[in-house]
PDB file of N, CA and C in Angstrom:
ATOM      1  N   MET A   1      -7.168 -21.180  -8.258  1.00  0.00           N
ATOM      2  CA  MET A   1      -8.286 -20.266  -8.215  1.00  0.00           C
ATOM      3  C   MET A   1      -7.766 -18.850  -7.887  1.00  0.00           C
ATOM      4  N   ALA A   2      -8.130 -17.896  -8.677  1.00  0.00           N
ATOM      5  CA  ALA A   2      -7.716 -16.521  -8.398  1.00  0.00           C
ATOM      6  C   ALA A   2      -8.554 -15.878  -7.281  1.00  0.00           C
ATOM      7  N   VAL A   3      -7.844 -15.055  -6.504  1.00  0.00           N
ATOM      8  CA  VAL A   3      -8.520 -14.256  -5.426  1.00  0.00           C
ATOM      9  C   VAL A   3      -8.797 -12.957  -5.937  1.00  0.00           C
ATOM     10  N   GLU A   4     -10.046 -12.498  -5.787  1.00  0.00           N
ATOM     11  CA  GLU A   4     -10.537 -11.223  -6.245  1.00  0.00           C
ATOM     12  C   GLU A   4     -10.351 -10.124  -5.196  1.00  0.00           C
ATOM     13  N   LEU A   5      -9.966  -8.950  -5.686  1.00  0.00           N
ATOM     14  CA  LEU A   5      -9.916  -7.806  -4.751  1.00  0.00           C
ATOM     15  C   LEU A   5     -11.311  -7.356  -4.354  1.00  0.00           C
ATOM     16  N   GLU A   6     -11.546  -7.366  -3.029  1.00  0.00           N
ATOM     17  CA  GLU A   6     -12.951  -7.033  -2.484  1.00  0.00           C
ATOM     18  C   GLU A   6     -13.066  -5.541  -2.425  1.00  0.00           C
ATOM     19  N   THR A   7     -13.664  -4.867  -3.470  1.00  0.00           N
ATOM     20  CA  THR A   7     -13.750  -3.438  -3.525  1.00  0.00           C
ATOM     21  C   THR A   7     -14.822  -2.816  -2.671  1.00  0.00           C
ATOM     22  N   SER A   8     -15.688  -3.658  -2.003  1.00  0.00           N
ATOM     23  CA  SER A   8     -16.673  -3.178  -1.135  1.00  0.00           C
ATOM     24  C   SER A   8     -16.167  -2.930   0.345  1.00  0.00           C
ATOM     25  N   LEU A   9     -14.886  -3.423   0.598  1.00  0.00           N
ATOM     26  CA  LEU A   9     -14.361  -3.226   1.954  1.00  0.00           C
ATOM     27  C   LEU A   9     -13.854  -1.848   2.100  1.00  0.00           C
ATOM     28  N   PRO A  10     -14.058  -1.233   3.297  1.00  0.00           N
ATOM     29  CA  PRO A  10     -13.614   0.127   3.507  1.00  0.00           C
ATOM     30  C   PRO A  10     -12.128   0.357   3.388  1.00  0.00           C
ATOM     31  N   SER A  11     -11.366  -0.709   3.775  1.00  0.00           N
ATOM     32  CA  SER A  11      -9.856  -0.569   3.683  1.00  0.00           C
ATOM     33  C   SER A  11      -9.472  -0.519   2.228  1.00  0.00           C
ATOM     34  N   THR A  12     -10.072  -1.325   1.333  1.00  0.00           N
ATOM     35  CA  THR A  12      -9.752  -1.289  -0.092  1.00  0.00           C
ATOM     36  C   THR A  12     -10.164   0.035  -0.755  1.00  0.00           C
ATOM     37  N   ARG A  13     -11.283   0.599  -0.303  1.00  0.00           N
ATOM     38  CA  ARG A  13     -11.691   1.906  -0.868  1.00  0.00           C
ATOM     39  C   ARG A  13     -10.758   2.958  -0.375  1.00  0.00           C
ATOM     40  N   LYS A  14     -10.251   2.880   0.828  1.00  0.00           N
ATOM     41  CA  LYS A  14      -9.284   3.796   1.349  1.00  0.00           C
ATOM     42  C   LYS A  14      -7.993   3.769   0.515  1.00  0.00           C
ATOM     43  N   PHE A  15      -7.512   2.543   0.312  1.00  0.00           N
ATOM     44  CA  PHE A  15      -6.258   2.356  -0.449  1.00  0.00           C
ATOM     45  C   PHE A  15      -6.406   2.926  -1.868  1.00  0.00           C
ATOM     46  N   GLN A  16      -7.616   2.717  -2.504  1.00  0.00           N
ATOM     47  CA  GLN A  16      -7.892   3.184  -3.796  1.00  0.00           C
ATOM     48  C   GLN A  16      -7.905   4.740  -3.787  1.00  0.00           C
ATOM     49  N   THR A  17      -8.392   5.338  -2.790  1.00  0.00           N
ATOM     50  CA  THR A  17      -8.327   6.826  -2.644  1.00  0.00           C
ATOM     51  C   THR A  17      -6.986   7.307  -2.497  1.00  0.00           C
ATOM     52  N   TYR A  18      -6.149   6.616  -1.721  1.00  0.00           N
ATOM     53  CA  TYR A  18      -4.632   6.985  -1.609  1.00  0.00           C
ATOM     54  C   TYR A  18      -4.036   6.902  -3.041  1.00  0.00           C
ATOM     55  N   ILE A  19      -4.302   5.848  -3.817  1.00  0.00           N
ATOM     56  CA  ILE A  19      -3.743   5.743  -5.153  1.00  0.00           C
ATOM     57  C   ILE A  19      -4.234   6.870  -6.012  1.00  0.00           C
ATOM     58  N   LYS A  20      -5.522   7.097  -6.097  1.00  0.00           N
ATOM     59  CA  LYS A  20      -6.147   8.184  -6.959  1.00  0.00           C
ATOM     60  C   LYS A  20      -5.622   9.523  -6.667  1.00  0.00           C
ATOM     61  N   ASP A  21      -5.516   9.876  -5.370  1.00  0.00           N
ATOM     62  CA  ASP A  21      -5.065  11.184  -4.949  1.00  0.00           C
ATOM     63  C   ASP A  21      -3.608  11.325  -4.784  1.00  0.00           C
ATOM     64  N   LYS A  22      -2.842  10.186  -4.978  1.00  0.00           N
ATOM     65  CA  LYS A  22      -1.272  10.200  -4.864  1.00  0.00           C
ATOM     66  C   LYS A  22      -0.935  10.686  -3.518  1.00  0.00           C
ATOM     67  N   THR A  23      -1.601  10.235  -2.436  1.00  0.00           N
ATOM     68  CA  THR A  23      -1.332  10.668  -1.127  1.00  0.00           C
ATOM     69  C   THR A  23      -0.053  10.056  -0.605  1.00  0.00           C
ATOM     70  N   GLN A  24       0.796  10.871  -0.029  1.00  0.00           N
ATOM     71  CA  GLN A  24       2.011  10.350   0.590  1.00  0.00           C
ATOM     72  C   GLN A  24       1.602   9.551   1.788  1.00  0.00           C
ATOM     73  N   ILE A  25       2.150   8.368   1.909  1.00  0.00           N
ATOM     74  CA  ILE A  25       1.868   7.498   3.030  1.00  0.00           C
ATOM     75  C   ILE A  25       3.120   6.965   3.662  1.00  0.00           C
ATOM     76  N   GLU A  26       2.963   6.623   4.943  1.00  0.00           N
ATOM     77  CA  GLU A  26       4.047   5.954   5.670  1.00  0.00           C
ATOM     78  C   GLU A  26       3.614   4.522   5.895  1.00  0.00           C
ATOM     79  N   ILE A  27       4.519   3.623   5.641  1.00  0.00           N
ATOM     80  CA  ILE A  27       4.228   2.170   5.877  1.00  0.00           C
ATOM     81  C   ILE A  27       5.280   1.685   6.877  1.00  0.00           C
ATOM     82  N   LYS A  28       4.733   1.116   7.970  1.00  0.00           N
ATOM     83  CA  LYS A  28       5.763   0.448   8.926  1.00  0.00           C
ATOM     84  C   LYS A  28       5.609  -1.011   8.692  1.00  0.00           C
ATOM     85  N   LEU A  29       6.636  -1.715   8.521  1.00  0.00           N
ATOM     86  CA  LEU A  29       6.675  -3.138   8.272  1.00  0.00           C
ATOM     87  C   LEU A  29       6.833  -3.874   9.610  1.00  0.00           C
ATOM     88  N   THR A  30       6.596  -5.180   9.581  1.00  0.00           N
ATOM     89  CA  THR A  30       6.660  -5.925  10.810  1.00  0.00           C
ATOM     90  C   THR A  30       8.180  -6.064  11.257  1.00  0.00           C
ATOM     91  N   THR A  31       9.063  -5.726  10.340  1.00  0.00           N
ATOM     92  CA  THR A  31      10.514  -5.767  10.638  1.00  0.00           C
ATOM     93  C   THR A  31      10.949  -4.406  11.303  1.00  0.00           C
ATOM     94  N   ASN A  32      10.048  -3.538  11.482  1.00  0.00           N
ATOM     95  CA  ASN A  32      10.228  -2.188  11.995  1.00  0.00           C
ATOM     96  C   ASN A  32      10.870  -1.210  11.005  1.00  0.00           C
ATOM     97  N   ASP A  33      11.066  -1.607   9.784  1.00  0.00           N
ATOM     98  CA  ASP A  33      11.403  -0.597   8.701  1.00  0.00           C
ATOM     99  C   ASP A  33      10.225   0.253   8.416  1.00  0.00           C
ATOM    100  N   VAL A  34      10.588   1.471   8.146  1.00  0.00           N
ATOM    101  CA  VAL A  34       9.495   2.490   7.758  1.00  0.00           C
ATOM    102  C   VAL A  34       9.792   3.028   6.363  1.00  0.00           C
ATOM    103  N   LEU A  35       8.753   2.881   5.472  1.00  0.00           N
ATOM    104  CA  LEU A  35       8.849   3.379   4.130  1.00  0.00           C
ATOM    105  C   LEU A  35       7.837   4.495   3.935  1.00  0.00           C
ATOM    106  N   THR A  36       8.285   5.426   3.080  1.00  0.00           N
ATOM    107  CA  THR A  36       7.385   6.499   2.706  1.00  0.00           C
ATOM    108  C   THR A  36       7.357   6.695   1.215  1.00  0.00           C
ATOM    109  N   GLY A  37       6.144   6.973   0.743  1.00  0.00           N
ATOM    110  CA  GLY A  37       5.952   7.186  -0.687  1.00  0.00           C
ATOM    111  C   GLY A  37       4.509   7.188  -1.070  1.00  0.00           C
ATOM    112  N   THR A  38       4.186   6.909  -2.327  1.00  0.00           N
ATOM    113  CA  THR A  38       2.830   6.860  -2.794  1.00  0.00           C
ATOM    114  C   THR A  38       2.546   5.438  -3.279  1.00  0.00           C
ATOM    115  N   LEU A  39       1.222   5.012  -3.092  1.00  0.00           N
ATOM    116  CA  LEU A  39       0.871   3.659  -3.526  1.00  0.00           C
ATOM    117  C   LEU A  39       0.670   3.694  -5.027  1.00  0.00           C
ATOM    118  N   LEU A  40       1.168   2.805  -5.793  1.00  0.00           N
ATOM    119  CA  LEU A  40       0.889   2.692  -7.188  1.00  0.00           C
ATOM    120  C   LEU A  40      -0.189   1.785  -7.549  1.00  0.00           C
ATOM    121  N   TRP A  41      -0.293   0.613  -6.830  1.00  0.00           N
ATOM    122  CA  TRP A  41      -1.347  -0.348  -7.087  1.00  0.00           C
ATOM    123  C   TRP A  41      -1.428  -1.262  -5.850  1.00  0.00           C
ATOM    124  N   ILE A  42      -2.543  -1.978  -5.782  1.00  0.00           N
ATOM    125  CA  ILE A  42      -2.791  -3.031  -4.780  1.00  0.00           C
ATOM    126  C   ILE A  42      -3.462  -4.171  -5.395  1.00  0.00           C
ATOM    127  N   ASP A  43      -3.225  -5.370  -4.902  1.00  0.00           N
ATOM    128  CA  ASP A  43      -4.011  -6.516  -5.340  1.00  0.00           C
ATOM    129  C   ASP A  43      -4.334  -7.222  -4.019  1.00  0.00           C
ATOM    130  N   PRO A  44      -4.997  -8.411  -4.004  1.00  0.00           N
ATOM    131  CA  PRO A  44      -5.389  -9.022  -2.761  1.00  0.00           C
ATOM    132  C   PRO A  44      -4.214  -9.411  -1.826  1.00  0.00           C
ATOM    133  N   VAL A  45      -3.016  -9.592  -2.337  1.00  0.00           N
ATOM    134  CA  VAL A  45      -1.901 -10.067  -1.566  1.00  0.00           C
ATOM    135  C   VAL A  45      -0.796  -8.998  -1.379  1.00  0.00           C
ATOM    136  N   TYR A  46      -0.562  -8.204  -2.449  1.00  0.00           N
ATOM    137  CA  TYR A  46       0.619  -7.283  -2.496  1.00  0.00           C
ATOM    138  C   TYR A  46       0.152  -5.869  -2.689  1.00  0.00           C
ATOM    139  N   CYS A  47       1.119  -4.946  -2.435  1.00  0.00           N
ATOM    140  CA  CYS A  47       0.920  -3.585  -2.825  1.00  0.00           C
ATOM    141  C   CYS A  47       2.287  -3.093  -3.313  1.00  0.00           C
ATOM    142  N   CYS A  48       2.203  -2.002  -4.105  1.00  0.00           N
ATOM    143  CA  CYS A  48       3.402  -1.411  -4.618  1.00  0.00           C
ATOM    144  C   CYS A  48       3.483   0.046  -4.195  1.00  0.00           C
ATOM    145  N   LEU A  49       4.616   0.379  -3.590  1.00  0.00           N
ATOM    146  CA  LEU A  49       4.853   1.805  -3.064  1.00  0.00           C
ATOM    147  C   LEU A  49       6.003   2.337  -4.001  1.00  0.00           C
ATOM    148  N   VAL A  50       5.839   3.614  -4.448  1.00  0.00           N
ATOM    149  CA  VAL A  50       6.857   4.329  -5.111  1.00  0.00           C
ATOM    150  C   VAL A  50       7.470   5.362  -4.199  1.00  0.00           C
ATOM    151  N   ASP A  51       8.784   5.165  -3.946  1.00  0.00           N
ATOM    152  CA  ASP A  51       9.481   6.068  -2.970  1.00  0.00           C
ATOM    153  C   ASP A  51       9.961   7.344  -3.641  1.00  0.00           C
ATOM    154  N   ALA A  52      10.656   8.190  -2.940  1.00  0.00           N
ATOM    155  CA  ALA A  52      11.076   9.512  -3.400  1.00  0.00           C
ATOM    156  C   ALA A  52      11.993   9.409  -4.593  1.00  0.00           C
ATOM    157  N   ALA A  53      12.836   8.303  -4.690  1.00  0.00           N
ATOM    158  CA  ALA A  53      13.719   8.072  -5.784  1.00  0.00           C
ATOM    159  C   ALA A  53      13.090   7.405  -6.946  1.00  0.00           C
ATOM    160  N   GLN A  54      11.749   7.270  -6.913  1.00  0.00           N
ATOM    161  CA  GLN A  54      11.019   6.707  -7.946  1.00  0.00           C
ATOM    162  C   GLN A  54      11.176   5.136  -8.077  1.00  0.00           C
ATOM    163  N   LYS A  55      11.667   4.518  -7.030  1.00  0.00           N
ATOM    164  CA  LYS A  55      11.829   3.082  -7.025  1.00  0.00           C
ATOM    165  C   LYS A  55      10.523   2.443  -6.577  1.00  0.00           C
ATOM    166  N   GLN A  56      10.084   1.360  -7.233  1.00  0.00           N
ATOM    167  CA  GLN A  56       8.934   0.649  -6.878  1.00  0.00           C
ATOM    168  C   GLN A  56       9.309  -0.482  -5.882  1.00  0.00           C
ATOM    169  N   ILE A  57       8.582  -0.488  -4.807  1.00  0.00           N
ATOM    170  CA  ILE A  57       8.796  -1.475  -3.742  1.00  0.00           C
ATOM    171  C   ILE A  57       7.475  -2.321  -3.617  1.00  0.00           C
ATOM    172  N   ILE A  58       7.615  -3.560  -3.844  1.00  0.00           N
ATOM    173  CA  ILE A  58       6.444  -4.448  -3.749  1.00  0.00           C
ATOM    174  C   ILE A  58       6.506  -5.217  -2.470  1.00  0.00           C
ATOM    175  N   MET A  59       5.421  -5.171  -1.653  1.00  0.00           N
ATOM    176  CA  MET A  59       5.444  -5.865  -0.425  1.00  0.00           C
ATOM    177  C   MET A  59       4.078  -6.585  -0.199  1.00  0.00           C
ATOM    178  N   ALA A  60       4.210  -7.660   0.595  1.00  0.00           N
ATOM    179  CA  ALA A  60       2.972  -8.381   0.969  1.00  0.00           C
ATOM    180  C   ALA A  60       2.257  -7.651   2.023  1.00  0.00           C
ATOM    181  N   PHE A  61       0.911  -7.657   1.973  1.00  0.00           N
ATOM    182  CA  PHE A  61       0.120  -6.966   3.057  1.00  0.00           C
ATOM    183  C   PHE A  61       0.505  -7.646   4.385  1.00  0.00           C
ATOM    184  N   SER A  62       0.801  -8.913   4.424  1.00  0.00           N
ATOM    185  CA  SER A  62       1.093  -9.607   5.682  1.00  0.00           C
ATOM    186  C   SER A  62       2.360  -9.131   6.354  1.00  0.00           C
ATOM    187  N   SER A  63       3.175  -8.388   5.620  1.00  0.00           N
ATOM    188  CA  SER A  63       4.441  -7.822   6.124  1.00  0.00           C
ATOM    189  C   SER A  63       4.269  -6.472   6.705  1.00  0.00           C
ATOM    190  N   ILE A  64       3.107  -5.943   6.668  1.00  0.00           N
ATOM    191  CA  ILE A  64       2.847  -4.493   6.993  1.00  0.00           C
ATOM    192  C   ILE A  64       2.132  -4.421   8.328  1.00  0.00           C
ATOM    193  N   ALA A  65       2.770  -3.632   9.250  1.00  0.00           N
ATOM    194  CA  ALA A  65       2.180  -3.330  10.571  1.00  0.00           C
ATOM    195  C   ALA A  65       1.144  -2.290  10.489  1.00  0.00           C
ATOM    196  N   TYR A  66       1.419  -1.084   9.735  1.00  0.00           N
ATOM    197  CA  TYR A  66       0.392  -0.119   9.550  1.00  0.00           C
ATOM    198  C   TYR A  66       0.664   0.725   8.347  1.00  0.00           C
ATOM    199  N   PHE A  67      -0.360   1.424   7.794  1.00  0.00           N
ATOM    200  CA  PHE A  67      -0.308   2.457   6.822  1.00  0.00           C
ATOM    201  C   PHE A  67      -0.734   3.761   7.541  1.00  0.00           C
ATOM    202  N   LYS A  68      -0.239   4.901   7.186  1.00  0.00           N
ATOM    203  CA  LYS A  68      -0.842   6.183   7.585  1.00  0.00           C
ATOM    204  C   LYS A  68      -0.456   7.259   6.682  1.00  0.00           C
ATOM    205  N   PRO A  69      -1.393   8.212   6.368  1.00  0.00           N
ATOM    206  CA  PRO A  69      -0.961   9.318   5.542  1.00  0.00           C
ATOM    207  C   PRO A  69       0.097  10.200   6.203  1.00  0.00           C
ATOM    208  N   VAL A  70       0.977  10.772   5.377  1.00  0.00           N
ATOM    209  CA  VAL A  70       2.019  11.662   5.960  1.00  0.00           C
ATOM    210  C   VAL A  70       1.446  13.057   6.100  1.00  0.00           C
TER     211      VAL A  70
END
């Protein structure tokens, strides 16, 4: 059974705004690594960040401690 992205949630709408506006964000992982870049896409389980070197980094939402705009 496929899990749908719940677009009525405020967090999903915020992530969609970050994607549309290409907002630079900082993501801190539960491993204490900090990544900076722009969100390319999100789904119910994963998100994809594009860093300054144009590398795409796919991570599970469960591995993320926080997101914040830079």
